[in-house]
Amino acid sequence: MEHIVTVQQAVTAFEPWLEPTAAELDAIEIEMPLIAAEVELLDAQIATLDRPVSELDARRIRRARRRVLAARRELSNRTALSTSGVGA
């Protein structure tokens, strides 16, 4: 009979030196408007999973989709400007 033993390194895989760097945190901060818009869209879609979609639900989903598209546009414009050196 073999005993099942947890491996300490697998259980505590996240050491303090594995924290995100300042650059990674900055990148997340830049993408937060897009992340928030996508979460809002997902919330609107989840709300309609178990019931028929009402006109109010449809408007909420359309509004959330427009916010996602606007956030993606802003992020890609910001990325394009910063890589070209124009807006940096």
C-alpha atoms as a PDB file:
ATOM      1  CA  MET A   1       0.000   0.000   0.000  1.00  0.00           C
ATOM      2  CA  GLU A   2       1.376   3.394  -0.999  1.00  0.00           C
ATOM      3  CA  HIS A   3       0.594   6.516   0.969  1.00  0.00           C
ATOM      4  CA  ILE A   4      -0.485   9.656  -0.795  1.00  0.00           C
ATOM      5  CA  VAL A   5       1.600  12.563   0.393  1.00  0.00           C
ATOM      6  CA  THR A   6       1.212  16.176  -0.651  1.00  0.00           C
ATOM      7  CA  VAL A   7       4.249  17.783  -2.098  1.00  0.00           C
ATOM      8  CA  GLN A   8       5.026  20.970  -0.217  1.00  0.00           C
ATOM      9  CA  GLN A   9       6.346  22.814  -3.268  1.00  0.00           C
ATOM     10  CA  ALA A  10       3.217  22.035  -5.291  1.00  0.00           C
ATOM     11  CA  VAL A  11       0.961  23.243  -2.493  1.00  0.00           C
ATOM     12  CA  THR A  12       2.857  26.478  -1.935  1.00  0.00           C
ATOM     13  CA  ALA A  13       3.761  27.232  -5.531  1.00  0.00           C
ATOM     14  CA  PHE A  14       3.421  30.988  -5.154  1.00  0.00           C
ATOM     15  CA  GLU A  15       6.490  32.348  -3.475  1.00  0.00           C
ATOM     16  CA  PRO A  16       6.915  36.067  -2.749  1.00  0.00           C
ATOM     17  CA  TRP A  17       9.388  36.423  -5.626  1.00  0.00           C
ATOM     18  CA  LEU A  18       6.661  35.248  -8.039  1.00  0.00           C
ATOM     19  CA  GLU A  19       4.589  38.398  -7.481  1.00  0.00           C
ATOM     20  CA  PRO A  20       3.734  40.473 -10.567  1.00  0.00           C
ATOM     21  CA  THR A  21       6.275  43.065 -11.551  1.00  0.00           C
ATOM     22  CA  ALA A  22       5.540  46.766 -11.688  1.00  0.00           C
ATOM     23  CA  ALA A  23       5.394  46.571 -15.497  1.00  0.00           C
ATOM     24  CA  GLU A  24       2.853  43.745 -15.343  1.00  0.00           C
ATOM     25  CA  LEU A  25       0.714  45.679 -12.862  1.00  0.00           C
ATOM     26  CA  ASP A  26       0.894  48.747 -15.111  1.00  0.00           C
ATOM     27  CA  ALA A  27      -0.241  46.663 -18.095  1.00  0.00           C
ATOM     28  CA  ILE A  28      -3.186  45.333 -16.077  1.00  0.00           C
ATOM     29  CA  GLU A  29      -4.077  48.868 -14.998  1.00  0.00           C
ATOM     30  CA  ILE A  30      -4.080  50.010 -18.637  1.00  0.00           C
ATOM     31  CA  GLU A  31      -6.401  47.133 -19.588  1.00  0.00           C
ATOM     32  CA  MET A  32      -8.806  47.600 -16.636  1.00  0.00           C
ATOM     33  CA  PRO A  33     -11.462  49.571 -18.590  1.00  0.00           C
ATOM     34  CA  LEU A  34     -11.651  46.729 -21.123  1.00  0.00           C
ATOM     35  CA  ILE A  35     -11.729  44.095 -18.385  1.00  0.00           C
ATOM     36  CA  ALA A  36     -14.529  45.923 -16.564  1.00  0.00           C
ATOM     37  CA  ALA A  37     -16.536  46.289 -19.781  1.00  0.00           C
ATOM     38  CA  GLU A  38     -16.137  42.582 -20.565  1.00  0.00           C
ATOM     39  CA  VAL A  39     -17.259  41.659 -17.047  1.00  0.00           C
ATOM     40  CA  GLU A  40     -20.322  43.874 -17.443  1.00  0.00           C
ATOM     41  CA  LEU A  41     -21.165  42.178 -20.758  1.00  0.00           C
ATOM     42  CA  LEU A  42     -20.729  38.762 -19.199  1.00  0.00           C
ATOM     43  CA  ASP A  43     -22.999  39.728 -16.299  1.00  0.00           C
ATOM     44  CA  ALA A  44     -25.678  40.863 -18.738  1.00  0.00           C
ATOM     45  CA  GLN A  45     -25.418  37.642 -20.726  1.00  0.00           C
ATOM     46  CA  ILE A  46     -25.491  35.435 -17.613  1.00  0.00           C
ATOM     47  CA  ALA A  47     -28.614  37.210 -16.376  1.00  0.00           C
ATOM     48  CA  THR A  48     -30.476  36.064 -19.488  1.00  0.00           C
ATOM     49  CA  LEU A  49     -29.433  32.414 -19.418  1.00  0.00           C
ATOM     50  CA  ASP A  50     -32.421  31.047 -17.504  1.00  0.00           C
ATOM     51  CA  ARG A  51     -35.209  33.300 -18.756  1.00  0.00           C
ATOM     52  CA  PRO A  52     -36.479  34.794 -21.976  1.00  0.00           C
ATOM     53  CA  VAL A  53     -34.669  37.946 -23.016  1.00  0.00           C
ATOM     54  CA  SER A  54     -36.773  41.034 -22.383  1.00  0.00           C
ATOM     55  CA  GLU A  55     -36.386  44.340 -24.202  1.00  0.00           C
ATOM     56  CA  LEU A  56     -34.585  45.733 -21.151  1.00  0.00           C
ATOM     57  CA  ASP A  57     -32.166  42.776 -21.166  1.00  0.00           C
ATOM     58  CA  ALA A  58     -31.509  43.234 -24.879  1.00  0.00           C
ATOM     59  CA  ARG A  59     -30.745  46.935 -24.353  1.00  0.00           C
ATOM     60  CA  ARG A  60     -28.423  46.111 -21.463  1.00  0.00           C
ATOM     61  CA  ILE A  61     -26.533  43.582 -23.595  1.00  0.00           C
ATOM     62  CA  ARG A  62     -26.277  45.993 -26.557  1.00  0.00           C
ATOM     63  CA  ARG A  63     -25.036  48.764 -24.277  1.00  0.00           C
ATOM     64  CA  ALA A  64     -22.462  46.416 -22.716  1.00  0.00           C
ATOM     65  CA  ARG A  65     -21.273  45.283 -26.176  1.00  0.00           C
ATOM     66  CA  ARG A  66     -20.820  48.904 -27.235  1.00  0.00           C
ATOM     67  CA  ARG A  67     -18.776  49.579 -24.094  1.00  0.00           C
ATOM     68  CA  VAL A  68     -16.554  46.576 -24.836  1.00  0.00           C
ATOM     69  CA  LEU A  69     -16.014  47.760 -28.413  1.00  0.00           C
ATOM     70  CA  ALA A  70     -15.255  51.303 -27.250  1.00  0.00           C
ATOM     71  CA  ALA A  71     -12.794  50.030 -24.625  1.00  0.00           C
ATOM     72  CA  ARG A  72     -11.079  47.806 -27.211  1.00  0.00           C
ATOM     73  CA  ARG A  73     -10.848  50.742 -29.619  1.00  0.00           C
ATOM     74  CA  GLU A  74      -9.346  52.989 -26.951  1.00  0.00           C
ATOM     75  CA  LEU A  75      -6.860  50.325 -25.889  1.00  0.00           C
ATOM     76  CA  SER A  76      -5.749  49.572 -29.440  1.00  0.00           C
ATOM     77  CA  ASN A  77      -5.457  53.284 -30.254  1.00  0.00           C
ATOM     78  CA  ARG A  78      -3.422  53.810 -27.121  1.00  0.00           C
ATOM     79  CA  THR A  79      -1.201  50.840 -27.969  1.00  0.00           C
ATOM     80  CA  ALA A  80      -0.756  52.015 -31.570  1.00  0.00           C
ATOM     81  CA  LEU A  81       0.186  55.516 -30.441  1.00  0.00           C
ATOM     82  CA  SER A  82       2.636  54.307 -27.817  1.00  0.00           C
ATOM     83  CA  THR A  83       4.370  51.881 -30.207  1.00  0.00           C
ATOM     84  CA  SER A  84       4.712  54.538 -32.911  1.00  0.00           C
ATOM     85  CA  GLY A  85       6.112  57.006 -30.394  1.00  0.00           C
ATOM     86  CA  VAL A  86       3.496  59.654 -31.190  1.00  0.00           C
ATOM     87  CA  GLY A  87       1.637  59.648 -27.890  1.00  0.00           C
ATOM     88  CA  ALA A  88       4.467  58.625 -25.600  1.00  0.00           C
END
